[in-house]
């Protein structure tokens, strides 16, 4: 779940945080050099390659069921109402999947179960889903395993398409696909998704990633505090600290070191080596000692 979506249901702090979150939580501009236009061909339900949508998917399709349309993509089965919206989503999902696989050094093999992506038409539809799914009423777009539930026009006060929100959630789904049965630590999962939300746009526009990254003024958690997080904080201000501190560390790893080392770092973390030990194993050759690495990391960041 993206950072702005995480705190969207907390009006008392929204005015304070919106300016902070605009550059980091899904309000990225549309890519200037988009992939080729996507043509969607509607497919009857009975001809879909996978109709196992799970409990949540069945709840979605039960909301005004006669209005849902379906299409097959190479990476997802898409369920939608408006074709213009669905084409944008299809284009971004395919680009995100390729980009995430490249960052993680993974091959995209045909999935045993092609995942589903549901595109909600409006806030009324979205809240109808929340009412029957049991998800918190403040939830924005969601990734549940490899499946996506995309409320792509939930930008507060406007009807703007949320490219960054889509990229964040699609990154979670891509990670679930590329690392089956391996659960990333909470901080790494969110930090990487926040990083990709900006880096994917920069990649398609052939621009610097920094141009699309916002200031991380709440990135104050230590390595030990990040590693200790097992569940999302209830306090929305602490959620901000988690997301920004996580993104800051992932930014550091991609900006300071060869990107091909990041998958090695992920593997070390998933093998249970621990955050500091994984950092030193994968990046320590650039520093004379641990304190030198810390000093470099603690230099002022944007």
Protein backbone atom coordinates (compact mmCIF):
# COMPACT_ATOMS: atom_id res chain seq x y z
CA UNK A 1 0.00 0.00 0.00
CA UNK A 2 1.38 3.39 -0.91
CA UNK A 3 2.11 5.99 1.74
CA UNK A 4 -0.61 8.47 0.81
CA UNK A 5 -3.15 5.66 0.61
CA UNK A 6 -2.01 4.46 4.04
CA UNK A 7 -2.91 7.74 5.73
CA UNK A 8 -5.72 8.90 3.46
CA UNK A 9 -8.37 8.17 6.05
CA UNK A 10 -6.87 10.36 8.75
CA UNK A 11 -8.23 13.89 8.07
CA UNK A 12 -6.58 15.56 11.10
CA UNK A 13 -3.09 14.97 9.71
CA UNK A 14 -3.84 15.21 5.99
CA UNK A 15 -3.22 18.97 5.58
CA UNK A 16 0.09 18.63 7.40
CA UNK A 17 1.32 15.73 5.31
CA UNK A 18 0.00 16.33 1.80
CA UNK A 19 2.81 18.67 0.79
CA UNK A 20 5.33 16.18 2.10
CA UNK A 21 3.75 13.27 0.28
CA UNK A 22 3.10 14.75 -3.15
CA UNK A 23 6.45 13.76 -4.59
CA UNK A 24 6.74 10.36 -2.94
CA UNK A 25 3.38 8.69 -2.76
CA UNK A 26 1.88 8.36 -6.18
CA UNK A 27 1.37 11.81 -7.67
CA UNK A 28 4.08 11.39 -10.28
CA UNK A 29 3.43 12.88 -13.70
CA UNK A 30 2.45 10.68 -16.57
CA UNK A 31 5.45 9.19 -18.33
CA UNK A 32 6.55 11.29 -21.26
CA UNK A 33 7.92 8.41 -23.26
CA UNK A 34 5.28 5.78 -22.82
CA UNK A 35 5.32 2.35 -24.39
CA UNK A 36 3.32 1.79 -27.54
CA UNK A 37 -0.44 2.27 -27.14
CA UNK A 38 -2.21 -0.78 -25.76
CA UNK A 39 -5.16 -2.27 -27.58
CA UNK A 40 -7.49 -4.20 -25.33
CA UNK A 41 -9.72 -6.88 -26.77
CA UNK A 42 -12.57 -7.80 -24.47
CA UNK A 43 -12.71 -11.52 -23.70
CA UNK A 44 -15.85 -13.30 -22.46
CA UNK A 45 -15.56 -14.55 -18.90
CA UNK A 46 -15.73 -18.19 -19.91
CA UNK A 47 -12.76 -17.78 -22.29
CA UNK A 48 -10.35 -16.32 -19.73
CA UNK A 49 -7.28 -18.44 -19.07
CA UNK A 50 -7.88 -18.17 -15.32
CA UNK A 51 -11.21 -17.50 -13.66
CA UNK A 52 -9.98 -18.21 -10.13
CA UNK A 53 -10.30 -14.69 -8.75
CA UNK A 54 -10.30 -15.66 -5.07
CA UNK A 55 -12.60 -14.37 -2.34
CA UNK A 56 -11.78 -10.69 -2.77
CA UNK A 57 -12.01 -10.87 -6.56
CA UNK A 58 -15.43 -12.49 -6.39
CA UNK A 59 -16.56 -9.68 -4.09
CA UNK A 60 -15.37 -7.11 -6.60
CA UNK A 61 -17.11 -8.72 -9.55
CA UNK A 62 -20.35 -8.91 -7.54
CA UNK A 63 -20.49 -5.09 -7.50
CA UNK A 64 -22.75 -4.23 -10.45
CA UNK A 65 -21.65 -7.45 -12.18
CA UNK A 66 -23.20 -6.66 -15.55
CA UNK A 67 -20.80 -3.72 -16.03
CA UNK A 68 -17.50 -5.61 -15.75
CA UNK A 69 -15.45 -6.33 -18.85
CA UNK A 70 -12.40 -8.56 -19.10
CA UNK A 71 -9.21 -8.70 -21.15
CA UNK A 72 -6.05 -10.82 -21.26
CA UNK A 73 -2.59 -9.24 -21.07
CA UNK A 74 0.73 -11.05 -21.12
CA UNK A 75 1.19 -10.48 -17.39
CA UNK A 76 -2.33 -10.02 -16.00
CA UNK A 77 -6.00 -10.65 -16.56
CA UNK A 78 -7.63 -7.24 -16.46
CA UNK A 79 -11.15 -6.52 -15.19
CA UNK A 80 -12.45 -3.03 -15.93
CA UNK A 81 -15.39 -0.78 -16.73
CA UNK A 82 -13.90 1.97 -18.95
CA UNK A 83 -11.60 1.01 -21.80
CA UNK A 84 -9.67 4.31 -21.76
CA UNK A 85 -8.81 3.75 -18.09
CA UNK A 86 -7.97 0.11 -18.68
CA UNK A 87 -5.53 0.92 -21.50
CA UNK A 88 -3.55 3.20 -19.19
CA UNK A 89 -3.48 0.56 -16.49
CA UNK A 90 -2.47 -2.18 -18.92
CA UNK A 91 0.40 -0.11 -20.30
CA UNK A 92 1.71 0.78 -16.85
CA UNK A 93 1.38 -2.73 -15.46
CA UNK A 94 3.35 -4.28 -18.29
CA UNK A 95 6.06 -1.59 -18.06
CA UNK A 96 6.26 -1.97 -14.27
CA UNK A 97 6.58 -5.75 -14.43
CA UNK A 98 9.45 -5.52 -16.91
CA UNK A 99 11.19 -2.76 -14.92
CA UNK A 100 10.94 -4.53 -11.56
CA UNK A 101 12.21 -7.79 -13.05
CA UNK A 102 15.17 -5.94 -14.54
CA UNK A 103 16.03 -4.22 -11.23
CA UNK A 104 15.89 -7.55 -9.43
CA UNK A 105 17.77 -9.51 -12.09
CA UNK A 106 14.89 -11.94 -12.56
CA UNK A 107 13.50 -13.63 -15.66
CA UNK A 108 9.78 -13.30 -16.26
CA UNK A 109 8.51 -16.83 -16.67
CA UNK A 110 4.88 -17.61 -17.48
CA UNK A 111 3.06 -17.78 -14.13
CA UNK A 112 1.34 -20.96 -13.06
CA UNK A 113 -1.67 -18.78 -12.28
CA UNK A 114 -2.00 -15.56 -14.24
CA UNK A 115 -2.86 -12.88 -11.66
CA UNK A 116 -5.86 -10.58 -11.83
CA UNK A 117 -5.98 -6.78 -11.81
CA UNK A 118 -9.28 -5.05 -11.01
CA UNK A 119 -9.69 -1.42 -12.07
CA UNK A 120 -12.28 0.49 -10.06
CA UNK A 121 -14.30 3.12 -11.83
CA UNK A 122 -14.89 5.53 -8.97
CA UNK A 123 -14.86 6.01 -5.21
CA UNK A 124 -18.37 4.60 -4.85
CA UNK A 125 -17.26 1.31 -6.37
CA UNK A 126 -14.13 1.29 -4.24
CA UNK A 127 -15.97 1.85 -0.99
CA UNK A 128 -18.46 -0.82 -2.00
CA UNK A 129 -15.53 -3.22 -2.24
CA UNK A 130 -14.13 -2.11 1.12
CA UNK A 131 -17.51 -2.63 2.76
CA UNK A 132 -17.65 -6.29 1.70
CA UNK A 133 -13.95 -7.16 1.80
CA UNK A 134 -13.24 -6.23 5.40
CA UNK A 135 -10.28 -4.00 4.41
CA UNK A 136 -9.91 -0.80 6.48
CA UNK A 137 -12.08 2.03 5.20
CA UNK A 138 -9.00 4.24 4.76
CA UNK A 139 -7.39 1.81 2.31
CA UNK A 140 -6.41 3.01 -1.13
CA UNK A 141 -5.28 0.68 -3.91
CA UNK A 142 -4.22 -2.76 -2.71
CA UNK A 143 -2.00 -5.64 -3.71
CA UNK A 144 -3.09 -8.96 -2.24
CA UNK A 145 -0.46 -11.48 -3.20
CA UNK A 146 -0.04 -11.18 -6.96
CA UNK A 147 -3.52 -9.73 -7.52
CA UNK A 148 -4.18 -5.99 -7.75
CA UNK A 149 -7.15 -3.87 -6.69
CA UNK A 150 -6.59 -0.48 -8.27
CA UNK A 151 -8.44 2.66 -7.26
CA UNK A 152 -6.42 4.79 -9.65
CA UNK A 153 -8.43 8.00 -9.37
CA UNK A 154 -8.45 8.46 -5.60
CA UNK A 155 -6.26 11.57 -5.63
CA UNK A 156 -7.78 13.77 -2.89
CA UNK A 157 -9.68 16.71 -4.37
CA UNK A 158 -9.08 15.82 -8.04
CA UNK A 159 -9.77 13.10 -10.56
CA UNK A 160 -6.14 12.73 -11.54
CA UNK A 161 -4.83 9.31 -12.60
CA UNK A 162 -2.52 8.00 -9.88
CA UNK A 163 0.49 6.67 -11.80
CA UNK A 164 2.69 6.39 -8.74
CA UNK A 165 0.06 4.61 -6.66
CA UNK A 166 -0.38 2.08 -9.45
CA UNK A 167 3.40 1.58 -9.71
CA UNK A 168 3.75 1.14 -5.95
CA UNK A 169 1.07 -1.54 -5.71
CA UNK A 170 2.14 -3.22 -8.95
CA UNK A 171 5.64 -3.47 -7.50
CA UNK A 172 4.30 -5.37 -4.50
CA UNK A 173 2.50 -7.76 -6.85
CA UNK A 174 5.59 -8.16 -9.03
CA UNK A 175 7.75 -8.96 -6.00
CA UNK A 176 5.20 -11.58 -4.89
CA UNK A 177 5.43 -13.13 -8.37
CA UNK A 178 9.22 -13.03 -8.63
CA UNK A 179 9.80 -14.28 -5.07
CA UNK A 180 7.08 -16.90 -4.55
CA UNK A 181 6.78 -18.14 -0.99
CA UNK A 182 9.45 -15.70 0.21
CA UNK A 183 8.19 -12.79 2.29
CA UNK A 184 10.21 -9.59 2.16
CA UNK A 185 10.69 -7.64 5.41
CA UNK A 186 8.10 -4.88 5.77
CA UNK A 187 10.61 -2.04 5.44
CA UNK A 188 12.27 -3.53 2.34
CA UNK A 189 8.96 -4.24 0.63
CA UNK A 190 7.66 -0.70 1.16
CA UNK A 191 10.96 1.06 0.54
CA UNK A 192 11.47 -0.72 -2.77
CA UNK A 193 7.89 -0.01 -3.88
CA UNK A 194 8.27 3.69 -3.06
CA UNK A 195 11.58 3.79 -4.93
CA UNK A 196 10.09 2.14 -8.03
CA UNK A 197 7.14 4.56 -8.05
CA UNK A 198 9.60 7.32 -9.00
CA UNK A 199 12.33 5.30 -10.71
CA UNK A 200 9.94 3.72 -13.20
CA UNK A 201 8.77 7.12 -14.43
CA UNK A 202 12.36 8.35 -14.66
CA UNK A 203 13.37 5.26 -16.61
CA UNK A 204 10.67 5.68 -19.22
CA UNK A 205 11.45 9.39 -19.60
CA UNK A 206 15.22 8.76 -19.67
CA UNK A 207 15.65 11.22 -16.81
CA UNK A 208 17.43 11.25 -13.49
CA UNK A 209 15.62 9.38 -10.72
CA UNK A 210 16.29 12.29 -8.35
CA UNK A 211 14.14 14.52 -10.53
CA UNK A 212 11.10 12.45 -9.54
CA UNK A 213 11.92 11.94 -5.87
CA UNK A 214 10.59 14.09 -3.07
CA UNK A 215 12.19 15.24 0.16
CA UNK A 216 12.29 12.66 2.96
CA UNK A 217 12.08 14.84 6.04
CA UNK A 218 10.66 12.07 8.24
CA UNK A 219 13.27 9.42 7.34
CA UNK A 220 14.56 9.17 10.91
CA UNK A 221 14.38 5.45 11.75
CA UNK A 222 17.66 3.66 12.41
CA UNK A 223 18.65 0.39 10.77
CA UNK A 224 17.77 -1.45 13.98
CA UNK A 225 14.36 0.23 14.19
CA UNK A 226 13.58 -0.64 10.57
CA UNK A 227 14.57 -4.25 11.03
CA UNK A 228 12.45 -4.56 14.17
CA UNK A 229 9.22 -3.64 12.35
CA UNK A 230 6.96 -6.66 11.91
CA UNK A 231 3.63 -4.94 11.27
CA UNK A 232 2.42 -1.54 10.16
CA UNK A 233 2.15 1.11 12.88
CA UNK A 234 -1.31 2.28 13.89
CA UNK A 235 -0.15 5.88 14.30
CA UNK A 236 -0.18 7.48 10.82
CA UNK A 237 2.79 9.70 11.67
CA UNK A 238 4.79 6.55 12.42
CA UNK A 239 3.63 5.12 9.09
CA UNK A 240 5.20 8.13 7.40
CA UNK A 241 8.47 7.52 9.24
CA UNK A 242 8.43 3.87 8.19
CA UNK A 243 7.83 4.57 4.51
CA UNK A 244 10.28 7.45 4.23
CA UNK A 245 13.04 5.75 6.23
CA UNK A 246 12.62 2.61 4.14
CA UNK A 247 12.72 4.53 0.89
CA UNK A 248 15.78 6.46 2.03
CA UNK A 249 17.77 3.26 2.54
CA UNK A 250 16.69 1.80 -0.81
CA UNK A 251 17.54 5.09 -2.54
CA UNK A 252 20.97 4.98 -0.92
CA UNK A 253 21.66 1.46 -2.18
CA UNK A 254 20.67 2.28 -5.75
CA UNK A 255 22.36 5.67 -5.90
CA UNK A 256 25.67 4.76 -4.25
CA UNK A 257 26.35 1.26 -5.58
CA UNK A 258 26.08 -0.78 -8.78
CA UNK A 259 22.41 -1.73 -9.17
CA UNK A 260 23.23 -5.39 -9.76
CA UNK A 261 24.21 -5.65 -6.10
CA UNK A 262 20.68 -4.94 -4.91
CA UNK A 263 19.33 -8.44 -5.77
CA UNK A 264 22.28 -9.90 -3.87
CA UNK A 265 21.32 -7.76 -0.88
CA UNK A 266 17.70 -8.95 -1.13
CA UNK A 267 18.84 -12.58 -1.21
CA UNK A 268 21.03 -12.05 1.84
CA UNK A 269 18.10 -10.51 3.72
CA UNK A 270 15.75 -13.33 2.72
CA UNK A 271 18.33 -15.88 3.82
CA UNK A 272 18.10 -14.40 7.31
CA UNK A 273 21.49 -12.72 7.44
CA UNK A 274 20.13 -9.54 9.05
CA UNK A 275 20.13 -5.97 7.82
CA UNK A 276 23.54 -4.78 8.96
CA UNK A 277 25.27 -8.04 8.05
CA UNK A 278 23.60 -8.04 4.62
CA UNK A 279 24.66 -4.44 4.02
CA UNK A 280 28.25 -5.21 4.93
CA UNK A 281 28.38 -8.41 2.87
CA UNK A 282 27.04 -6.76 -0.29
CA UNK A 283 28.43 -3.23 0.01
CA UNK A 284 31.17 -3.26 2.62
CA UNK A 285 34.04 -3.47 0.14
CA UNK A 286 33.50 0.21 -0.63
CA UNK A 287 34.33 1.27 2.95
CA UNK A 288 37.20 0.73 5.33
CA UNK A 289 34.88 -0.04 8.26
CA UNK A 290 31.22 0.01 9.37
CA UNK A 291 31.44 3.54 10.76
CA UNK A 292 32.53 4.79 7.34
CA UNK A 293 29.44 3.26 5.75
CA UNK A 294 27.22 4.84 8.39
CA UNK A 295 28.79 8.26 7.91
CA UNK A 296 28.14 8.05 4.19
CA UNK A 297 24.55 6.99 4.74
CA UNK A 298 23.92 9.73 7.29
CA UNK A 299 24.95 12.54 4.96
CA UNK A 300 22.03 14.89 4.23
CA UNK A 301 19.52 13.46 1.79
CA UNK A 302 16.78 15.04 -0.28
